[in-house]
Amino acid sequence: MEANAVNRHSSSAGNPYNQTIVVIIKIVVLVVVCLKRAEARTSSIGPDSGFMPPTMLKFLGDMEREKTISFTSQQLAIATDNFKHLLGSGGFGSVYKGVFSNGTMVAVKVLNGTSNKRIEEQFKAEVSTLGRTHHVNLVRLYGYCFEKCLRALVYEYMGNGSLDHYLFRENKKRRNMDVTLPDSQEWFPTWVWTKFEKGELGDLMSACAIEAKDTEMAERMVKLSLCCVQYRPESRPLMSLVVKMLEGALEVPTPSNPFRFMNAAPSPGFLPLMAWDPSAFDSSTSQMVTGSTFVNGTPIMKKYGICAPSN
């Protein structure tokens, strides 16, 4: 009797029909689990993620794996008390102070608009850059919100304010002055140019506490700095050339006065063009191409519609 029962059990277990059913059940279970996981990922991005293009969905999915938190608009509204405490505003949006239930203070940057392509580019740039960067001197990005009604970035709250608070006064004038002079009497960059033009590099080194053994490097830095702040963008050296000049592989040319535009109105012949020609450089010499006509604007100027001053 027992032997017959065992034989029936073994024969049913080895039945190809039963094995097929088991395989089908396993496949169905696997598909259901995968669908549930996909649904969970989609809901974590936002309840109305159906409006997003595939590229944005992929981008936010990648950022989820970078451990950047996805917040909902409701969570941010509660944290900021319906966006009451304004910290500041700029071209891309306004920043509000917020506090989460665990006591973490944050700064919520609400981007202007919801469907502007430029806003989406700004959103991607900040999330992808700050979301992967962690440094003591950089504000930390905690997370973001990307919903149909709200595009926002959640940053670490800076209790001591931002850097511009220390660089500028309330009237937004520069604070970067020569510390030995009365307030606002002379702008530090123009003071540097004056000393350089007169050949008084020693005074500049003394004011900046630079030792005599570093005279050659100080002169190189001053000349290169003045080249980099030229009024015309095309008169400034490329960063690849700047690195070579800092390393000493290239000679730094004598700069022209970058602040001439502050002392005179533009006129024919004013501010002669000094365009950098990378092909003119080799390991032992430095040259600049001069002319009287304006070279085409830089890519940045074209992108933001910046008009170059006329000769």
C-alpha atoms as a PDB file:
ATOM      1  CA  MET A   1       0.000   0.000   0.000  1.00  0.00           C
ATOM      2  CA  GLU A   2       2.732   2.417   1.032  1.00  0.00           C
ATOM      3  CA  ALA A   3       4.831   1.341  -1.936  1.00  0.00           C
ATOM      4  CA  ASN A   4       1.976   2.121  -4.342  1.00  0.00           C
ATOM      5  CA  ALA A   5       1.523   5.596  -2.816  1.00  0.00           C
ATOM      6  CA  VAL A   6       5.209   6.325  -3.206  1.00  0.00           C
ATOM      7  CA  ASN A   7       5.143   5.183  -6.827  1.00  0.00           C
ATOM      8  CA  ARG A   8       2.137   7.374  -7.629  1.00  0.00           C
ATOM      9  CA  HIS A   9       3.824  10.420  -6.019  1.00  0.00           C
ATOM     10  CA  SER A  10       7.073   9.871  -7.922  1.00  0.00           C
ATOM     11  CA  SER A  11       5.264   9.380 -11.215  1.00  0.00           C
ATOM     12  CA  SER A  12       3.213  12.558 -10.756  1.00  0.00           C
ATOM     13  CA  ALA A  13       6.329  14.546  -9.835  1.00  0.00           C
ATOM     14  CA  GLY A  14       8.044  13.405 -12.978  1.00  0.00           C
ATOM     15  CA  ASN A  15       5.072  14.231 -15.192  1.00  0.00           C
ATOM     16  CA  PRO A  16       6.127  16.747 -17.898  1.00  0.00           C
ATOM     17  CA  TYR A  17       2.727  18.429 -17.657  1.00  0.00           C
ATOM     18  CA  ASN A  18       3.199  19.185 -13.944  1.00  0.00           C
ATOM     19  CA  GLN A  19       6.707  20.499 -14.538  1.00  0.00           C
ATOM     20  CA  THR A  20       5.408  22.872 -17.198  1.00  0.00           C
ATOM     21  CA  ILE A  21       2.815  24.271 -14.790  1.00  0.00           C
ATOM     22  CA  VAL A  22       5.494  24.869 -12.138  1.00  0.00           C
ATOM     23  CA  VAL A  23       7.694  26.745 -14.630  1.00  0.00           C
ATOM     24  CA  ILE A  24       4.763  28.925 -15.759  1.00  0.00           C
ATOM     25  CA  ILE A  25       3.900  29.793 -12.155  1.00  0.00           C
ATOM     26  CA  LYS A  26       7.506  30.803 -11.459  1.00  0.00           C
ATOM     27  CA  ILE A  27       7.589  33.023 -14.555  1.00  0.00           C
ATOM     28  CA  VAL A  28       4.317  34.730 -13.562  1.00  0.00           C
ATOM     29  CA  VAL A  29       5.624  35.391 -10.046  1.00  0.00           C
ATOM     30  CA  LEU A  30       8.867  36.833 -11.447  1.00  0.00           C
ATOM     31  CA  VAL A  31       6.985  39.157 -13.813  1.00  0.00           C
ATOM     32  CA  VAL A  32       4.730  40.394 -10.995  1.00  0.00           C
ATOM     33  CA  VAL A  33       7.740  41.129  -8.767  1.00  0.00           C
ATOM     34  CA  CYS A  34       9.475  43.069 -11.567  1.00  0.00           C
ATOM     35  CA  LEU A  35       6.341  45.104 -12.259  1.00  0.00           C
ATOM     36  CA  LYS A  36       5.982  45.952  -8.574  1.00  0.00           C
ATOM     37  CA  ARG A  37       9.578  47.137  -8.388  1.00  0.00           C
ATOM     38  CA  ALA A  38       9.184  49.258 -11.523  1.00  0.00           C
ATOM     39  CA  GLU A  39       6.020  50.788 -10.091  1.00  0.00           C
ATOM     40  CA  ALA A  40       7.822  51.596  -6.840  1.00  0.00           C
ATOM     41  CA  ARG A  41      10.629  53.358  -8.720  1.00  0.00           C
ATOM     42  CA  THR A  42       8.154  55.393 -10.755  1.00  0.00           C
ATOM     43  CA  SER A  43       6.147  56.423  -7.697  1.00  0.00           C
ATOM     44  CA  SER A  44       9.355  57.523  -5.942  1.00  0.00           C
ATOM     45  CA  ILE A  45      10.001  60.037  -8.734  1.00  0.00           C
ATOM     46  CA  GLY A  46       6.560  61.547  -8.421  1.00  0.00           C
ATOM     47  CA  PRO A  47       2.859  60.773  -8.659  1.00  0.00           C
ATOM     48  CA  ASP A  48       2.480  62.681 -11.928  1.00  0.00           C
ATOM     49  CA  SER A  49       5.644  61.491 -13.668  1.00  0.00           C
ATOM     50  CA  GLY A  50       3.622  60.639 -16.768  1.00  0.00           C
ATOM     51  CA  PHE A  51       4.216  64.178 -18.067  1.00  0.00           C
ATOM     52  CA  MET A  52       7.995  63.683 -18.127  1.00  0.00           C
ATOM     53  CA  PRO A  53       9.886  62.901 -21.321  1.00  0.00           C
ATOM     54  CA  PRO A  54      11.832  59.602 -21.327  1.00  0.00           C
ATOM     55  CA  THR A  55      15.172  61.438 -21.082  1.00  0.00           C
ATOM     56  CA  MET A  56      14.120  63.158 -17.852  1.00  0.00           C
ATOM     57  CA  LEU A  57      12.780  59.909 -16.393  1.00  0.00           C
ATOM     58  CA  LYS A  58      16.111  58.225 -17.111  1.00  0.00           C
ATOM     59  CA  PHE A  59      18.027  61.165 -15.627  1.00  0.00           C
ATOM     60  CA  LEU A  60      16.005  61.107 -12.392  1.00  0.00           C
ATOM     61  CA  GLY A  61      16.370  57.338 -12.215  1.00  0.00           C
ATOM     62  CA  ASP A  62      20.140  57.704 -12.435  1.00  0.00           C
ATOM     63  CA  MET A  63      20.108  60.327  -9.685  1.00  0.00           C
ATOM     64  CA  GLU A  64      18.078  57.988  -7.454  1.00  0.00           C
ATOM     65  CA  ARG A  65      20.994  55.576  -7.619  1.00  0.00           C
ATOM     66  CA  GLU A  66      23.320  58.432  -6.598  1.00  0.00           C
ATOM     67  CA  LYS A  67      21.399  58.597  -3.276  1.00  0.00           C
ATOM     68  CA  THR A  68      19.901  62.008  -4.024  1.00  0.00           C
ATOM     69  CA  ILE A  69      16.489  62.201  -2.313  1.00  0.00           C
ATOM     70  CA  SER A  70      13.321  62.807  -4.302  1.00  0.00           C
ATOM     71  CA  PHE A  71      10.879  65.027  -2.379  1.00  0.00           C
ATOM     72  CA  THR A  72       7.222  65.648  -3.151  1.00  0.00           C
ATOM     73  CA  SER A  73       5.738  69.120  -3.512  1.00  0.00           C
ATOM     74  CA  GLN A  74       3.637  68.464  -0.414  1.00  0.00           C
ATOM     75  CA  GLN A  75       6.708  67.644   1.681  1.00  0.00           C
ATOM     76  CA  LEU A  76       8.421  70.869   0.615  1.00  0.00           C
ATOM     77  CA  ALA A  77       5.292  72.941   1.199  1.00  0.00           C
ATOM     78  CA  ILE A  78       5.103  71.616   4.769  1.00  0.00           C
ATOM     79  CA  ALA A  79       8.838  72.104   5.397  1.00  0.00           C
ATOM     80  CA  THR A  80       8.781  75.716   4.168  1.00  0.00           C
ATOM     81  CA  ASP A  81       5.414  76.582   5.746  1.00  0.00           C
ATOM     82  CA  ASN A  82       3.952  77.128   2.267  1.00  0.00           C
ATOM     83  CA  PHE A  83       7.097  78.947   1.100  1.00  0.00           C
ATOM     84  CA  LYS A  84       6.790  81.849   3.530  1.00  0.00           C
ATOM     85  CA  HIS A  85      10.400  82.534   4.510  1.00  0.00           C
ATOM     86  CA  LEU A  86      12.135  83.973   1.451  1.00  0.00           C
ATOM     87  CA  LEU A  87      15.950  83.934   1.635  1.00  0.00           C
ATOM     88  CA  GLY A  88      16.642  85.439  -1.777  1.00  0.00           C
ATOM     89  CA  SER A  89      15.829  85.331  -5.451  1.00  0.00           C
ATOM     90  CA  GLY A  90      17.649  85.284  -8.770  1.00  0.00           C
ATOM     91  CA  GLY A  91      17.233  84.780 -12.471  1.00  0.00           C
ATOM     92  CA  PHE A  92      16.248  81.123 -12.195  1.00  0.00           C
ATOM     93  CA  GLY A  93      14.056  81.207  -9.103  1.00  0.00           C
ATOM     94  CA  SER A  94      13.566  82.006  -5.430  1.00  0.00           C
ATOM     95  CA  VAL A  95      15.097  80.356  -2.355  1.00  0.00           C
ATOM     96  CA  TYR A  96      13.070  79.633   0.783  1.00  0.00           C
ATOM     97  CA  LYS A  97      14.077  78.506   4.245  1.00  0.00           C
ATOM     98  CA  GLY A  98      12.620  75.209   5.432  1.00  0.00           C
ATOM     99  CA  VAL A  99      12.796  72.748   8.319  1.00  0.00           C
ATOM    100  CA  PHE A 100      12.005  69.042   8.082  1.00  0.00           C
ATOM    101  CA  SER A 101      10.336  67.080  10.867  1.00  0.00           C
ATOM    102  CA  ASN A 102      13.697  65.709  12.045  1.00  0.00           C
ATOM    103  CA  GLY A 103      14.990  69.262  12.596  1.00  0.00           C
ATOM    104  CA  THR A 104      17.163  69.473   9.472  1.00  0.00           C
ATOM    105  CA  MET A 105      17.221  73.024   8.120  1.00  0.00           C
ATOM    106  CA  VAL A 106      17.261  73.370   4.343  1.00  0.00           C
ATOM    107  CA  ALA A 107      17.191  75.993   1.610  1.00  0.00           C
ATOM    108  CA  VAL A 108      14.627  75.181  -1.074  1.00  0.00           C
ATOM    109  CA  LYS A 109      15.296  76.733  -4.467  1.00  0.00           C
ATOM    110  CA  VAL A 110      12.053  76.902  -6.452  1.00  0.00           C
ATOM    111  CA  LEU A 111      12.772  77.244 -10.166  1.00  0.00           C
ATOM    112  CA  ASN A 112      10.718  79.709 -12.179  1.00  0.00           C
ATOM    113  CA  GLY A 113       8.329  78.101 -14.654  1.00  0.00           C
ATOM    114  CA  THR A 114       7.507  74.445 -15.184  1.00  0.00           C
ATOM    115  CA  SER A 115       7.932  73.759 -18.893  1.00  0.00           C
ATOM    116  CA  ASN A 116      10.778  76.062 -19.919  1.00  0.00           C
ATOM    117  CA  LYS A 117      13.598  74.110 -21.587  1.00  0.00           C
ATOM    118  CA  ARG A 118      16.181  76.420 -20.046  1.00  0.00           C
ATOM    119  CA  ILE A 119      14.786  75.676 -16.577  1.00  0.00           C
ATOM    120  CA  GLU A 120      15.080  71.939 -17.231  1.00  0.00           C
ATOM    121  CA  GLU A 121      18.694  72.395 -18.355  1.00  0.00           C
ATOM    122  CA  GLN A 122      19.446  74.370 -15.183  1.00  0.00           C
ATOM    123  CA  PHE A 123      17.762  71.657 -13.110  1.00  0.00           C
ATOM    124  CA  LYS A 124      19.818  68.888 -14.720  1.00  0.00           C
ATOM    125  CA  ALA A 125      23.058  70.845 -14.425  1.00  0.00           C
ATOM    126  CA  GLU A 126      22.699  71.526 -10.699  1.00  0.00           C
ATOM    127  CA  VAL A 127      21.404  68.078  -9.742  1.00  0.00           C
ATOM    128  CA  SER A 128      24.007  66.170 -11.756  1.00  0.00           C
ATOM    129  CA  THR A 129      26.901  68.353 -10.547  1.00  0.00           C
ATOM    130  CA  LEU A 130      26.109  68.965  -6.874  1.00  0.00           C
ATOM    131  CA  GLY A 131      24.383  65.614  -6.453  1.00  0.00           C
ATOM    132  CA  ARG A 132      27.688  63.845  -7.079  1.00  0.00           C
ATOM    133  CA  THR A 133      29.972  66.380  -5.376  1.00  0.00           C
ATOM    134  CA  HIS A 134      30.617  66.475  -1.641  1.00  0.00           C
ATOM    135  CA  HIS A 135      33.123  68.959  -0.225  1.00  0.00           C
ATOM    136  CA  VAL A 136      33.364  71.000   2.953  1.00  0.00           C
ATOM    137  CA  ASN A 137      33.507  74.240   0.937  1.00  0.00           C
ATOM    138  CA  LEU A 138      30.523  73.425  -1.290  1.00  0.00           C
ATOM    139  CA  VAL A 139      26.876  73.618  -0.341  1.00  0.00           C
ATOM    140  CA  ARG A 140      25.382  70.141  -0.268  1.00  0.00           C
ATOM    141  CA  LEU A 141      22.420  69.122  -2.408  1.00  0.00           C
ATOM    142  CA  TYR A 142      20.042  67.006  -0.317  1.00  0.00           C
ATOM    143  CA  GLY A 143      17.523  66.311  -3.046  1.00  0.00           C
ATOM    144  CA  TYR A 144      15.038  67.650  -5.539  1.00  0.00           C
ATOM    145  CA  CYS A 145      11.385  67.826  -6.529  1.00  0.00           C
ATOM    146  CA  PHE A 146      10.369  67.379 -10.145  1.00  0.00           C
ATOM    147  CA  GLU A 147       6.606  67.452 -10.458  1.00  0.00           C
ATOM    148  CA  LYS A 148       4.246  69.055 -12.931  1.00  0.00           C
ATOM    149  CA  CYS A 149       3.426  71.853 -10.493  1.00  0.00           C
ATOM    150  CA  LEU A 150       6.863  72.307  -8.907  1.00  0.00           C
ATOM    151  CA  ARG A 151      10.522  72.101  -9.897  1.00  0.00           C
ATOM    152  CA  ALA A 152      12.746  72.619  -6.871  1.00  0.00           C
ATOM    153  CA  LEU A 153      16.208  71.847  -5.481  1.00  0.00           C
ATOM    154  CA  VAL A 154      16.777  71.186  -1.776  1.00  0.00           C
ATOM    155  CA  TYR A 155      20.122  72.442  -0.460  1.00  0.00           C
ATOM    156  CA  GLU A 156      21.932  72.479   2.838  1.00  0.00           C
ATOM    157  CA  TYR A 157      21.004  75.630   4.754  1.00  0.00           C
ATOM    158  CA  MET A 158      23.914  78.055   5.244  1.00  0.00           C
ATOM    159  CA  GLY A 159      23.338  79.677   8.602  1.00  0.00           C
ATOM    160  CA  ASN A 160      26.182  82.186   8.136  1.00  0.00           C
ATOM    161  CA  GLY A 161      24.954  83.376   4.749  1.00  0.00           C
ATOM    162  CA  SER A 162      26.565  83.116   1.339  1.00  0.00           C
ATOM    163  CA  LEU A 163      29.970  84.329   0.154  1.00  0.00           C
ATOM    164  CA  ASP A 164      28.586  87.424  -1.571  1.00  0.00           C
ATOM    165  CA  HIS A 165      27.448  88.662   1.857  1.00  0.00           C
ATOM    166  CA  TYR A 166      31.114  89.052   2.799  1.00  0.00           C
ATOM    167  CA  LEU A 167      32.380  90.219  -0.602  1.00  0.00           C
ATOM    168  CA  PHE A 168      29.801  92.949  -1.161  1.00  0.00           C
ATOM    169  CA  ARG A 169      28.115  95.584   0.920  1.00  0.00           C
ATOM    170  CA  GLU A 170      24.360  96.053   1.086  1.00  0.00           C
ATOM    171  CA  ASN A 171      24.548  98.488  -1.842  1.00  0.00           C
ATOM    172  CA  LYS A 172      26.217  95.656  -3.866  1.00  0.00           C
ATOM    173  CA  LYS A 173      29.476  97.596  -4.322  1.00  0.00           C
ATOM    174  CA  ARG A 174      32.730  95.665  -4.281  1.00  0.00           C
ATOM    175  CA  ARG A 175      34.532  95.138  -0.995  1.00  0.00           C
ATOM    176  CA  ASN A 176      37.715  93.899  -2.666  1.00  0.00           C
ATOM    177  CA  MET A 177      39.815  96.929  -1.701  1.00  0.00           C
ATOM    178  CA  ASP A 178      43.396  97.616  -0.701  1.00  0.00           C
ATOM    179  CA  VAL A 179      43.212  97.107   3.053  1.00  0.00           C
ATOM    180  CA  THR A 180      45.776  99.870   3.671  1.00  0.00           C
ATOM    181  CA  LEU A 181      43.497 102.557   2.177  1.00  0.00           C
ATOM    182  CA  PRO A 182      40.316 104.135   3.535  1.00  0.00           C
ATOM    183  CA  ASP A 183      37.130 102.316   2.580  1.00  0.00           C
ATOM    184  CA  SER A 184      36.096 102.666  -1.085  1.00  0.00           C
ATOM    185  CA  GLN A 185      39.046 104.920  -1.950  1.00  0.00           C
ATOM    186  CA  GLU A 186      40.599 102.550  -4.483  1.00  0.00           C
ATOM    187  CA  TRP A 187      39.555  99.307  -6.116  1.00  0.00           C
ATOM    188  CA  PHE A 188      42.160  96.586  -5.534  1.00  0.00           C
ATOM    189  CA  PRO A 189      42.543  95.431  -9.194  1.00  0.00           C
ATOM    190  CA  THR A 190      43.138  99.002 -10.407  1.00  0.00           C
ATOM    191  CA  TRP A 191      45.619  99.521  -7.582  1.00  0.00           C
ATOM    192  CA  VAL A 192      47.495  96.396  -8.746  1.00  0.00           C
ATOM    193  CA  TRP A 193      47.597  97.726 -12.313  1.00  0.00           C
ATOM    194  CA  THR A 194      48.912 101.089 -11.134  1.00  0.00           C
ATOM    195  CA  LYS A 195      51.725  99.429  -9.182  1.00  0.00           C
ATOM    196  CA  PHE A 196      52.550  97.125 -12.087  1.00  0.00           C
ATOM    197  CA  GLU A 197      52.589  99.994 -14.602  1.00  0.00           C
ATOM    198  CA  LYS A 198      54.961 101.999 -12.408  1.00  0.00           C
ATOM    199  CA  GLY A 199      57.231  99.009 -11.852  1.00  0.00           C
ATOM    200  CA  GLU A 200      56.503  99.026  -8.119  1.00  0.00           C
ATOM    201  CA  LEU A 201      56.104  95.282  -7.730  1.00  0.00           C
ATOM    202  CA  GLY A 202      57.863  95.453  -4.364  1.00  0.00           C
ATOM    203  CA  ASP A 203      55.028  97.529  -2.867  1.00  0.00           C
ATOM    204  CA  LEU A 204      52.499  95.020  -4.126  1.00  0.00           C
ATOM    205  CA  MET A 205      54.474  92.104  -2.680  1.00  0.00           C
ATOM    206  CA  SER A 206      54.781  93.839   0.690  1.00  0.00           C
ATOM    207  CA  ALA A 207      51.044  94.540   0.840  1.00  0.00           C
ATOM    208  CA  CYS A 208      50.282  90.894   0.022  1.00  0.00           C
ATOM    209  CA  ALA A 209      52.970  89.496   2.364  1.00  0.00           C
ATOM    210  CA  ILE A 210      54.889  87.813  -0.488  1.00  0.00           C
ATOM    211  CA  GLU A 211      58.513  86.925   0.273  1.00  0.00           C
ATOM    212  CA  ALA A 212      61.406  88.163  -1.872  1.00  0.00           C
ATOM    213  CA  LYS A 213      62.323  84.631  -2.951  1.00  0.00           C
ATOM    214  CA  ASP A 214      58.961  84.416  -4.749  1.00  0.00           C
ATOM    215  CA  THR A 215      59.458  87.605  -6.793  1.00  0.00           C
ATOM    216  CA  GLU A 216      59.557  85.832 -10.153  1.00  0.00           C
ATOM    217  CA  MET A 217      56.390  83.870  -9.449  1.00  0.00           C
ATOM    218  CA  ALA A 218      54.638  86.981  -8.109  1.00  0.00           C
ATOM    219  CA  GLU A 219      55.428  88.925 -11.280  1.00  0.00           C
ATOM    220  CA  ARG A 220      54.189  86.046 -13.406  1.00  0.00           C
ATOM    221  CA  MET A 221      50.934  85.857 -11.420  1.00  0.00           C
ATOM    222  CA  VAL A 222      50.336  89.614 -11.616  1.00  0.00           C
ATOM    223  CA  LYS A 223      50.892  89.770 -15.375  1.00  0.00           C
ATOM    224  CA  LEU A 224      48.718  86.737 -15.995  1.00  0.00           C
ATOM    225  CA  SER A 225      45.955  88.055 -13.727  1.00  0.00           C
ATOM    226  CA  LEU A 226      45.884  91.339 -15.626  1.00  0.00           C
ATOM    227  CA  CYS A 227      45.697  89.404 -18.900  1.00  0.00           C
ATOM    228  CA  CYS A 228      42.721  87.440 -17.575  1.00  0.00           C
ATOM    229  CA  VAL A 229      40.699  90.546 -16.623  1.00  0.00           C
ATOM    230  CA  GLN A 230      40.988  92.310 -19.971  1.00  0.00           C
ATOM    231  CA  TYR A 231      37.829  94.193 -20.936  1.00  0.00           C
ATOM    232  CA  ARG A 232      37.293  92.341 -24.212  1.00  0.00           C
ATOM    233  CA  PRO A 233      36.627  88.588 -23.779  1.00  0.00           C
ATOM    234  CA  GLU A 234      38.692  87.712 -26.852  1.00  0.00           C
ATOM    235  CA  SER A 235      41.659  89.555 -25.322  1.00  0.00           C
ATOM    236  CA  ARG A 236      41.796  87.063 -22.446  1.00  0.00           C
ATOM    237  CA  PRO A 237      43.941  83.915 -22.760  1.00  0.00           C
ATOM    238  CA  LEU A 238      42.451  80.441 -23.084  1.00  0.00           C
ATOM    239  CA  MET A 239      42.541  78.385 -19.888  1.00  0.00           C
ATOM    240  CA  SER A 240      44.828  75.860 -21.568  1.00  0.00           C
ATOM    241  CA  LEU A 241      47.344  78.675 -22.113  1.00  0.00           C
ATOM    242  CA  VAL A 242      46.825  79.970 -18.567  1.00  0.00           C
ATOM    243  CA  VAL A 243      47.833  76.585 -17.150  1.00  0.00           C
ATOM    244  CA  LYS A 244      50.974  76.471 -19.303  1.00  0.00           C
ATOM    245  CA  MET A 245      51.931  80.011 -18.281  1.00  0.00           C
ATOM    246  CA  LEU A 246      51.411  79.198 -14.603  1.00  0.00           C
ATOM    247  CA  GLU A 247      53.623  76.143 -14.990  1.00  0.00           C
ATOM    248  CA  GLY A 248      56.308  78.239 -16.674  1.00  0.00           C
ATOM    249  CA  ALA A 249      56.078  76.438 -20.011  1.00  0.00           C
ATOM    250  CA  LEU A 250      55.051  79.689 -21.726  1.00  0.00           C
ATOM    251  CA  GLU A 251      56.177  83.257 -21.253  1.00  0.00           C
ATOM    252  CA  VAL A 252      53.490  85.629 -19.988  1.00  0.00           C
ATOM    253  CA  PRO A 253      53.121  88.653 -22.321  1.00  0.00           C
ATOM    254  CA  THR A 254      52.981  92.177 -20.954  1.00  0.00           C
ATOM    255  CA  PRO A 255      49.289  93.036 -20.529  1.00  0.00           C
ATOM    256  CA  SER A 256      47.616  96.239 -21.666  1.00  0.00           C
ATOM    257  CA  ASN A 257      45.562  98.367 -19.282  1.00  0.00           C
ATOM    258  CA  PRO A 258      42.371  96.354 -18.621  1.00  0.00           C
ATOM    259  CA  PHE A 259      40.642  99.300 -16.929  1.00  0.00           C
ATOM    260  CA  ARG A 260      40.954 101.875 -19.681  1.00  0.00           C
ATOM    261  CA  PHE A 261      37.223 101.672 -20.324  1.00  0.00           C
ATOM    262  CA  MET A 262      36.576 103.012 -16.803  1.00  0.00           C
ATOM    263  CA  ASN A 263      38.403 106.263 -17.489  1.00  0.00           C
ATOM    264  CA  ALA A 264      37.299 107.200 -20.996  1.00  0.00           C
ATOM    265  CA  ALA A 265      34.285 106.950 -23.259  1.00  0.00           C
ATOM    266  CA  PRO A 266      34.559 104.517 -26.192  1.00  0.00           C
ATOM    267  CA  SER A 267      35.871 106.143 -29.343  1.00  0.00           C
ATOM    268  CA  PRO A 268      37.473 105.083 -32.655  1.00  0.00           C
ATOM    269  CA  GLY A 269      40.764 103.416 -31.870  1.00  0.00           C
ATOM    270  CA  PHE A 270      39.834 103.012 -28.198  1.00  0.00           C
ATOM    271  CA  LEU A 271      40.779  99.670 -26.680  1.00  0.00           C
ATOM    272  CA  PRO A 272      42.802  98.161 -29.552  1.00  0.00           C
ATOM    273  CA  LEU A 273      42.002  94.530 -30.125  1.00  0.00           C
ATOM    274  CA  MET A 274      44.393  91.974 -28.636  1.00  0.00           C
ATOM    275  CA  ALA A 275      43.207  88.514 -29.621  1.00  0.00           C
ATOM    276  CA  TRP A 276      44.998  85.421 -28.399  1.00  0.00           C
ATOM    277  CA  ASP A 277      46.146  83.078 -31.137  1.00  0.00           C
ATOM    278  CA  PRO A 278      46.917  79.629 -29.625  1.00  0.00           C
ATOM    279  CA  SER A 279      48.736  78.562 -32.812  1.00  0.00           C
ATOM    280  CA  ALA A 280      51.236  81.378 -32.309  1.00  0.00           C
ATOM    281  CA  PHE A 281      52.500  79.858 -29.043  1.00  0.00           C
ATOM    282  CA  ASP A 282      55.374  77.461 -28.667  1.00  0.00           C
ATOM    283  CA  SER A 283      57.433  76.328 -25.691  1.00  0.00           C
ATOM    284  CA  SER A 284      59.656  79.407 -25.640  1.00  0.00           C
ATOM    285  CA  THR A 285      57.689  82.406 -26.830  1.00  0.00           C
ATOM    286  CA  SER A 286      54.399  84.227 -26.375  1.00  0.00           C
ATOM    287  CA  GLN A 287      52.671  86.359 -28.946  1.00  0.00           C
ATOM    288  CA  MET A 288      49.389  88.160 -29.292  1.00  0.00           C
ATOM    289  CA  VAL A 289      47.674  89.121 -32.501  1.00  0.00           C
ATOM    290  CA  THR A 290      46.631  92.753 -32.681  1.00  0.00           C
ATOM    291  CA  GLY A 291      44.262  94.456 -35.062  1.00  0.00           C
ATOM    292  CA  SER A 292      41.617  97.086 -35.452  1.00  0.00           C
ATOM    293  CA  THR A 293      38.588  94.925 -36.215  1.00  0.00           C
ATOM    294  CA  PHE A 294      36.514  92.948 -33.781  1.00  0.00           C
ATOM    295  CA  VAL A 295      36.822  89.178 -33.776  1.00  0.00           C
ATOM    296  CA  ASN A 296      33.565  87.205 -33.675  1.00  0.00           C
ATOM    297  CA  GLY A 297      32.062  86.940 -30.192  1.00  0.00           C
ATOM    298  CA  THR A 298      32.876  84.029 -27.924  1.00  0.00           C
ATOM    299  CA  PRO A 299      30.448  81.087 -27.592  1.00  0.00           C
ATOM    300  CA  ILE A 300      29.336  82.332 -24.162  1.00  0.00           C
ATOM    301  CA  MET A 301      28.612  85.802 -25.576  1.00  0.00           C
ATOM    302  CA  LYS A 302      26.560  84.279 -28.383  1.00  0.00           C
ATOM    303  CA  LYS A 303      24.668  81.971 -26.020  1.00  0.00           C
ATOM    304  CA  TYR A 304      23.483  84.768 -23.732  1.00  0.00           C
ATOM    305  CA  GLY A 305      23.201  87.489 -26.369  1.00  0.00           C
ATOM    306  CA  ILE A 306      26.018  89.652 -24.977  1.00  0.00           C
ATOM    307  CA  CYS A 307      26.946  92.456 -27.348  1.00  0.00           C
ATOM    308  CA  ALA A 308      30.607  93.371 -27.621  1.00  0.00           C
ATOM    309  CA  PRO A 309      31.587  97.039 -27.269  1.00  0.00           C
ATOM    310  CA  SER A 310      32.110  98.819 -30.566  1.00  0.00           C
ATOM    311  CA  ASN A 311      35.483 100.279 -31.461  1.00  0.00           C
END
